Protein backbone atom coordinates (compact mmCIF):
# COMPACT_ATOMS: atom_id res chain seq x y z
CA MET A 1 -8.39 6.28 -13.94
CA ILE A 2 -8.89 3.23 -11.97
CA THR A 3 -11.36 3.52 -9.00
CA VAL A 4 -12.01 0.75 -6.40
CA LEU A 5 -15.68 1.29 -5.21
CA ARG A 6 -16.02 -0.31 -1.75
CA ILE A 7 -19.75 -0.78 -0.96
CA GLY A 8 -21.38 -1.91 2.29
CA HIS A 9 -18.57 -0.66 4.49
CA ARG A 10 -19.63 -0.99 8.15
CA PRO A 11 -17.24 1.16 10.12
CA GLN A 12 -17.38 -0.80 13.48
CA ARG A 13 -17.05 -4.25 11.74
CA ASP A 14 -15.15 -3.70 8.51
CA LYS A 15 -12.47 -1.18 9.22
CA ARG A 16 -9.44 -3.42 8.90
CA ILE A 17 -10.70 -5.20 5.76
CA THR A 18 -11.62 -1.92 4.11
CA THR A 19 -8.19 -0.58 4.96
CA HIS A 20 -6.73 -3.75 3.44
CA VAL A 21 -8.89 -3.20 0.39
CA ALA A 22 -7.46 0.51 0.07
CA LEU A 23 -3.86 -0.75 0.66
CA VAL A 24 -4.07 -3.48 -1.93
CA ALA A 25 -5.82 -0.95 -4.43
CA ARG A 26 -2.97 1.55 -4.01
CA ALA A 27 -0.10 -1.09 -4.13
CA PHE A 28 -1.58 -2.89 -7.09
CA GLY A 29 -2.09 0.26 -9.28
CA ALA A 30 -5.51 1.75 -8.66
CA ASP A 31 -5.72 5.62 -8.39
CA ARG A 32 -8.45 6.05 -5.72
CA ILE A 33 -10.81 4.33 -3.61
CA VAL A 34 -14.42 5.36 -3.07
CA ILE A 35 -16.03 4.11 0.13
CA SER A 36 -19.81 4.22 0.64
CA GLU A 37 -19.66 5.00 4.33
CA ASP A 38 -17.52 7.82 5.84
CA ASP A 39 -14.71 6.55 8.07
CA GLU A 40 -11.96 9.14 8.67
CA ARG A 41 -9.63 6.54 10.23
CA ILE A 42 -9.22 4.91 6.88
CA ARG A 43 -8.60 8.24 5.05
CA ASP A 44 -5.99 9.16 7.73
CA THR A 45 -4.30 5.66 7.45
CA ILE A 46 -4.12 5.91 3.63
CA ALA A 47 -2.94 9.48 3.70
CA SER A 48 -0.13 8.41 5.96
CA VAL A 49 0.97 5.59 3.73
CA VAL A 50 0.83 7.95 0.68
CA ARG A 51 3.01 10.52 2.56
CA SER A 52 5.64 7.86 3.36
CA TRP A 53 5.54 5.59 0.30
CA GLY A 54 4.53 8.11 -2.36
CA GLY A 55 2.04 8.25 -5.16
CA SER A 56 -1.19 10.15 -5.35
CA PHE A 57 -3.71 7.54 -4.24
CA SER A 58 -6.86 9.18 -2.72
CA VAL A 59 -9.72 8.19 -0.48
CA GLU A 60 -13.31 9.55 -0.99
CA PHE A 61 -16.56 8.91 0.70
CA LYS A 62 -19.71 8.85 -1.43
CA SER A 63 -22.76 6.77 -1.70
CA TRP A 64 -22.28 4.06 -4.26
CA ARG A 65 -25.49 4.96 -6.02
CA SER A 66 -24.42 8.63 -6.41
CA PHE A 67 -20.93 7.51 -7.63
CA LEU A 68 -22.18 5.17 -10.16
CA SER A 69 -24.94 7.54 -11.45
CA THR A 70 -22.17 9.85 -12.63
CA PHE A 71 -19.56 7.28 -13.61
CA ASP A 72 -18.81 7.00 -17.35
CA GLY A 73 -16.61 3.84 -17.99
CA THR A 74 -16.40 0.19 -17.46
CA VAL A 75 -17.77 -1.12 -14.16
CA VAL A 76 -16.31 -4.47 -13.08
CA HIS A 77 -17.99 -6.06 -10.07
CA LEU A 78 -15.87 -8.79 -8.40
CA THR A 79 -18.14 -11.56 -7.19
CA MET A 80 -17.76 -15.35 -6.77
CA TYR A 81 -21.02 -15.68 -8.87
CA GLY A 82 -19.73 -14.08 -12.09
CA VAL A 83 -17.97 -15.20 -15.19
CA PRO A 84 -14.40 -16.35 -14.63
CA PHE A 85 -12.38 -13.04 -14.62
CA GLU A 86 -9.52 -14.36 -16.86
CA GLU A 87 -12.25 -14.98 -19.77
CA ALA A 88 -13.01 -11.27 -19.73
CA MET A 89 -9.59 -9.62 -18.89
CA ASP A 90 -8.64 -8.59 -22.42
CA GLU A 91 -11.97 -7.10 -22.98
CA VAL A 92 -11.66 -5.23 -19.69
CA ARG A 93 -8.17 -4.06 -20.51
CA ASP A 94 -9.07 -2.91 -23.94
CA ALA A 95 -12.18 -0.94 -22.85
CA PRO A 96 -11.89 2.81 -23.45
CA GLY A 97 -12.26 5.23 -20.64
CA ASP A 98 -12.10 4.86 -16.87
CA LEU A 99 -12.36 1.60 -14.83
CA CYS A 100 -14.49 1.19 -11.72
CA ILE A 101 -13.87 -2.15 -9.79
CA VAL A 102 -16.70 -2.80 -7.18
CA VAL A 103 -15.98 -4.87 -4.23
CA GLY A 104 -18.70 -5.51 -1.61
CA ALA A 105 -18.58 -5.95 2.19
CA GLU A 106 -22.11 -7.23 2.97
CA LYS A 107 -24.75 -8.61 0.58
CA VAL A 108 -24.39 -6.82 -2.70
CA PRO A 109 -27.64 -5.23 -3.98
CA PRO A 110 -29.11 -6.56 -7.21
CA GLU A 111 -28.63 -3.04 -8.72
CA ILE A 112 -24.86 -3.58 -8.66
CA TYR A 113 -25.12 -6.79 -10.70
CA GLN A 114 -27.45 -4.96 -13.28
CA ARG A 115 -25.17 -1.66 -13.42
CA ALA A 116 -21.93 -3.64 -13.98
CA THR A 117 -20.45 -4.00 -17.33
CA HIS A 118 -18.96 -7.25 -16.12
CA ASN A 119 -19.71 -9.45 -13.09
CA LEU A 120 -16.39 -11.45 -12.73
CA ALA A 121 -15.66 -14.23 -10.51
CA VAL A 122 -12.18 -14.67 -9.01
CA GLY A 123 -12.76 -18.12 -8.13
CA ASN A 124 -16.15 -19.79 -7.20
CA GLN A 125 -15.53 -20.41 -3.46
CA PRO A 126 -16.07 -18.07 -0.60
CA HIS A 127 -12.96 -15.73 -0.29
CA SER A 128 -11.82 -12.30 0.77
CA GLU A 129 -12.59 -9.17 -1.30
CA VAL A 130 -8.92 -8.18 -0.65
CA SER A 131 -7.60 -11.29 -2.48
CA ALA A 132 -10.08 -10.91 -5.38
CA LEU A 133 -9.04 -7.27 -5.96
CA ALA A 134 -5.34 -8.29 -5.61
CA LEU A 135 -5.57 -11.02 -8.16
CA PHE A 136 -7.78 -8.93 -10.64
CA LEU A 137 -5.27 -5.97 -10.54
CA ASP A 138 -2.28 -8.23 -10.86
CA ARG A 139 -3.73 -9.80 -14.00
CA TYR A 140 -5.04 -6.49 -15.32
CA PHE A 141 -1.57 -4.99 -15.07
CA LYS A 142 0.29 -8.32 -16.00
CA GLY A 143 2.51 -8.00 -13.08
CA ALA A 144 3.78 -4.47 -13.94
CA GLU A 145 2.66 -3.12 -10.63
CA PHE A 146 5.51 -4.85 -8.91
CA SER A 147 8.09 -2.55 -10.63
CA ARG A 148 6.21 0.62 -10.25
CA ARG A 149 7.97 3.63 -8.66
CA TYR A 150 5.83 6.06 -6.58
CA PRO A 151 6.45 9.85 -7.03
CA GLY A 152 7.08 11.66 -3.68
CA ALA A 153 8.07 8.53 -1.85
CA GLN A 154 9.99 9.16 1.46
CA MET A 155 11.10 5.52 1.50
CA ARG A 156 11.20 2.38 -0.49
CA ILE A 157 12.13 -1.25 0.13
CA GLU A 158 15.27 -2.64 -1.46
CA PRO A 159 14.69 -6.44 -2.15
CA CYS A 160 17.12 -8.63 0.03
CA ALA A 161 17.28 -12.27 0.80
CA ARG A 162 17.37 -11.79 4.63
CA GLY A 163 16.05 -9.02 6.86
CA LYS A 164 14.34 -5.88 5.91
CA ASN A 165 16.19 -3.13 3.85
CA VAL A 166 14.18 0.11 3.87
CA VAL A 167 15.86 3.02 1.89
CA GLY A 168 15.12 6.68 2.76
CA VAL A 169 14.54 8.21 -0.74
CA ASN A 170 15.04 11.85 0.35
CA ASN A 171 18.25 11.34 2.28
CA GLY A 172 19.54 8.43 0.34
CA GLY A 173 20.11 6.49 3.60
CA ALA A 174 19.27 2.94 4.48
CA HIS A 175 18.51 1.05 7.55
CA ASP A 176 18.19 -2.59 8.10
CA ASP A 177 15.31 -3.62 10.33
CA THR A 178 16.31 -7.15 10.94
């Protein structure tokens, strides 16, 4: 199981970014996101996406300390201060058990750096946790996440050179949203 742990979420300030972290986590292959601060709007948004687009991705709210105290597996903390992530990717991929990917919002407490199995940098310049998570998961899955099918999907996108082609999975119909 792959869990993304979002620490430091500030509901009034970070709701869009945390929602984007959750959307990327789902689309790029994670199984769930655990958010350290309760925000039902995010749960509702992601539940709506899962109903329409399929899969079993879930949102949970739990303090990061509580979650990490019971987590048994590999903890990867994505930070611009760590070891270049590509240097550790094979070791992370080969590690037994579950994987927890930690992404922060505000300043990350030193405890996270100490608890992490790997502190990995996706670049050494200021950037978004959304982009770091997307790049990490893409390299982790070696691009396979792009051909993944989601069980229970009500719709899916058919690639096309122009316009938007969304196919209704249950009724087999399609509509062009150009």
